[in-house]
């Protein structure tokens, strides 16, 4: 039987003994990752302060925790864009869904946003966390991935899938 050994604000850790082996599981919140594409085919990424990470600044897609009480993954994606970059999308396409099960458990919903319209909502994480929003070509993103300016993460999988379809 699975027993909880830690519960924080974001993560939960459990253990379960199966056939004499103790299996640890981490449960992370489900999330949304949004890749807004401009009319000229550039992808908007956020340069954001991340004081709990090393380095404390990261270039990343629009993303956030899926809040099921605030609607569907699509509704959450639209809200995250409005909070982080001040746009909403006329069209939102599901790009990818990754469901981790086993040691690390969560589902990430990836979207491509097109037809961007200005629409700003207050950012609950604080407006000062977003340093800038930059538009990159697929070639520029590949270069930044190669030189480490964009760090490899869950988000990177969606970025790669999108830029491979754009090339």
Protein backbone atom coordinates (compact mmCIF):
# COMPACT_ATOMS: atom_id res chain seq x y z
CA UNK A 1 0.00 0.00 0.00
CA UNK A 2 1.25 3.45 -0.94
CA UNK A 3 1.97 5.75 2.02
CA UNK A 4 2.65 9.47 1.94
CA UNK A 5 6.05 10.49 3.31
CA UNK A 6 6.01 14.19 2.35
CA UNK A 7 3.46 16.77 1.21
CA UNK A 8 4.51 20.29 0.30
CA UNK A 9 2.75 23.12 -1.50
CA UNK A 10 3.83 21.78 -4.89
CA UNK A 11 5.05 18.19 -4.56
CA UNK A 12 3.95 15.03 -2.79
CA UNK A 13 6.19 11.99 -2.17
CA UNK A 14 5.02 8.46 -1.41
CA UNK A 15 6.56 5.05 -0.81
CA UNK A 16 5.18 1.62 -1.50
CA UNK A 17 6.75 -1.75 -0.75
CA UNK A 18 6.26 -4.21 -3.61
CA UNK A 19 7.95 -7.63 -3.58
CA UNK A 20 10.41 -6.47 -0.91
CA UNK A 21 11.47 -3.32 -2.79
CA UNK A 22 10.50 0.17 -1.62
CA UNK A 23 9.32 2.24 -4.60
CA UNK A 24 9.31 6.00 -4.24
CA UNK A 25 6.90 8.16 -6.22
CA UNK A 26 6.84 11.91 -6.71
CA UNK A 27 3.58 13.58 -7.66
CA UNK A 28 3.87 16.95 -9.37
CA UNK A 29 0.96 19.18 -10.37
CA UNK A 30 -0.30 18.79 -13.91
CA UNK A 31 0.63 21.74 -16.08
CA UNK A 32 0.12 23.68 -19.29
CA UNK A 33 2.90 24.76 -21.62
CA UNK A 34 2.00 27.25 -24.35
CA UNK A 35 4.01 28.15 -27.44
CA UNK A 36 2.57 31.38 -28.88
CA UNK A 37 3.44 31.88 -32.56
CA UNK A 38 3.37 35.36 -34.10
CA UNK A 39 1.89 36.09 -37.53
CA UNK A 40 5.44 36.12 -38.97
CA UNK A 41 6.21 32.63 -37.59
CA UNK A 42 8.27 33.50 -34.53
CA UNK A 43 7.77 31.80 -31.17
CA UNK A 44 7.34 33.96 -28.07
CA UNK A 45 9.37 32.89 -25.05
CA UNK A 46 9.57 34.49 -21.61
CA UNK A 47 12.76 35.58 -19.86
CA UNK A 48 11.80 35.07 -16.24
CA UNK A 49 13.38 35.45 -12.80
CA UNK A 50 13.57 32.03 -11.12
CA UNK A 51 15.28 32.69 -7.74
CA UNK A 52 14.98 29.03 -6.68
CA UNK A 53 16.84 27.77 -9.80
CA UNK A 54 20.46 27.86 -10.91
CA UNK A 55 20.94 30.12 -12.83
CA UNK A 56 18.18 32.35 -11.38
CA UNK A 57 17.00 33.56 -14.82
CA UNK A 58 15.52 31.28 -17.47
CA UNK A 59 14.21 31.59 -21.02
CA UNK A 60 11.07 29.46 -21.14
CA UNK A 61 7.66 29.04 -22.76
CA UNK A 62 4.51 30.37 -21.17
CA UNK A 63 3.64 27.76 -18.56
CA UNK A 64 1.81 27.14 -15.35
CA UNK A 65 0.14 24.68 -13.04
CA UNK A 66 -3.13 23.27 -14.34
CA UNK A 67 -5.84 24.58 -12.03
CA UNK A 68 -8.78 22.26 -12.73
CA UNK A 69 -11.10 24.49 -10.69
CA UNK A 70 -10.42 27.24 -13.26
CA UNK A 71 -11.43 25.24 -16.30
CA UNK A 72 -10.03 22.99 -18.98
CA UNK A 73 -6.36 22.78 -19.99
CA UNK A 74 -7.21 25.11 -22.92
CA UNK A 75 -8.76 27.68 -20.57
CA UNK A 76 -5.73 27.44 -18.29
CA UNK A 77 -3.41 27.94 -21.30
CA UNK A 78 -5.27 31.08 -22.36
CA UNK A 79 -5.14 32.49 -18.83
CA UNK A 80 -1.41 31.76 -18.45
CA UNK A 81 -0.74 33.66 -21.71
CA UNK A 82 -2.77 36.63 -20.52
CA UNK A 83 -0.94 36.67 -17.17
CA UNK A 84 2.60 36.14 -18.48
CA UNK A 85 2.72 37.84 -21.90
CA UNK A 86 -0.49 39.89 -22.17
CA UNK A 87 -2.05 38.01 -25.11
CA UNK A 88 -4.78 35.48 -25.74
CA UNK A 89 -5.08 33.27 -28.81
CA UNK A 90 -7.77 33.15 -31.46
CA UNK A 91 -6.77 29.53 -32.08
CA UNK A 92 -5.24 27.13 -29.60
CA UNK A 93 -4.06 23.76 -30.95
CA UNK A 94 -3.13 20.81 -28.78
CA UNK A 95 0.46 19.93 -29.71
CA UNK A 96 1.39 17.20 -27.27
CA UNK A 97 0.47 15.59 -23.98
CA UNK A 98 3.06 13.87 -21.83
CA UNK A 99 1.87 11.73 -18.93
CA UNK A 100 4.52 10.61 -16.50
CA UNK A 101 3.69 7.62 -14.36
CA UNK A 102 5.92 5.59 -12.13
CA UNK A 103 8.65 7.46 -10.28
CA UNK A 104 7.59 10.96 -11.41
CA UNK A 105 3.86 11.47 -11.92
CA UNK A 106 2.20 14.37 -13.72
CA UNK A 107 0.61 15.30 -17.03
CA UNK A 108 1.83 18.21 -19.14
CA UNK A 109 -0.49 19.68 -21.79
CA UNK A 110 1.29 21.47 -24.66
CA UNK A 111 -0.45 24.00 -26.92
CA UNK A 112 0.39 26.15 -29.92
CA UNK A 113 -1.31 29.55 -29.79
CA UNK A 114 -1.94 31.56 -32.98
CA UNK A 115 -3.86 34.70 -33.84
CA UNK A 116 -2.58 36.57 -30.80
CA UNK A 117 -4.72 39.42 -29.45
CA UNK A 118 -3.63 41.80 -26.69
CA UNK A 119 -5.41 40.86 -23.45
CA UNK A 120 -3.59 41.33 -20.13
CA UNK A 121 -4.53 39.78 -16.80
CA UNK A 122 -2.60 40.41 -13.56
CA UNK A 123 0.17 37.87 -12.94
CA UNK A 124 -0.41 36.20 -9.53
CA UNK A 125 3.33 35.39 -9.40
CA UNK A 126 4.08 39.13 -9.58
CA UNK A 127 4.65 41.30 -12.63
CA UNK A 128 8.33 41.68 -11.73
CA UNK A 129 9.07 37.98 -12.35
CA UNK A 130 8.74 38.46 -16.14
CA UNK A 131 11.83 40.30 -17.36
CA UNK A 132 10.93 40.30 -21.06
CA UNK A 133 9.04 38.50 -23.81
CA UNK A 134 11.11 37.79 -26.92
CA UNK A 135 10.21 36.44 -30.37
CA UNK A 136 12.56 33.80 -31.81
CA UNK A 137 12.79 32.01 -35.13
CA UNK A 138 13.09 28.20 -35.02
CA UNK A 139 16.78 28.57 -36.02
CA UNK A 140 17.43 30.97 -33.12
CA UNK A 141 15.77 28.55 -30.71
CA UNK A 142 17.92 25.65 -31.96
CA UNK A 143 21.01 27.79 -31.42
CA UNK A 144 19.94 28.74 -27.88
CA UNK A 145 19.25 25.09 -27.05
CA UNK A 146 22.66 24.14 -28.42
CA UNK A 147 24.58 26.75 -26.44
CA UNK A 148 22.60 26.26 -23.20
CA UNK A 149 20.78 29.62 -23.15
CA UNK A 150 17.52 27.65 -23.21
CA UNK A 151 17.79 24.85 -20.67
CA UNK A 152 16.61 21.31 -21.40
CA UNK A 153 13.38 20.52 -19.56
CA UNK A 154 9.88 19.15 -20.07
CA UNK A 155 9.13 22.36 -21.96
CA UNK A 156 11.90 21.65 -24.44
CA UNK A 157 10.07 18.60 -25.80
CA UNK A 158 7.17 20.77 -26.95
CA UNK A 159 9.50 23.41 -28.38
CA UNK A 160 11.35 20.77 -30.42
CA UNK A 161 8.15 19.21 -31.71
CA UNK A 162 6.86 22.62 -32.80
CA UNK A 163 10.04 23.84 -34.49
CA UNK A 164 10.41 20.53 -36.33
CA UNK A 165 6.95 21.03 -37.83
CA UNK A 166 7.78 24.64 -38.78
CA UNK A 167 11.05 23.87 -40.61
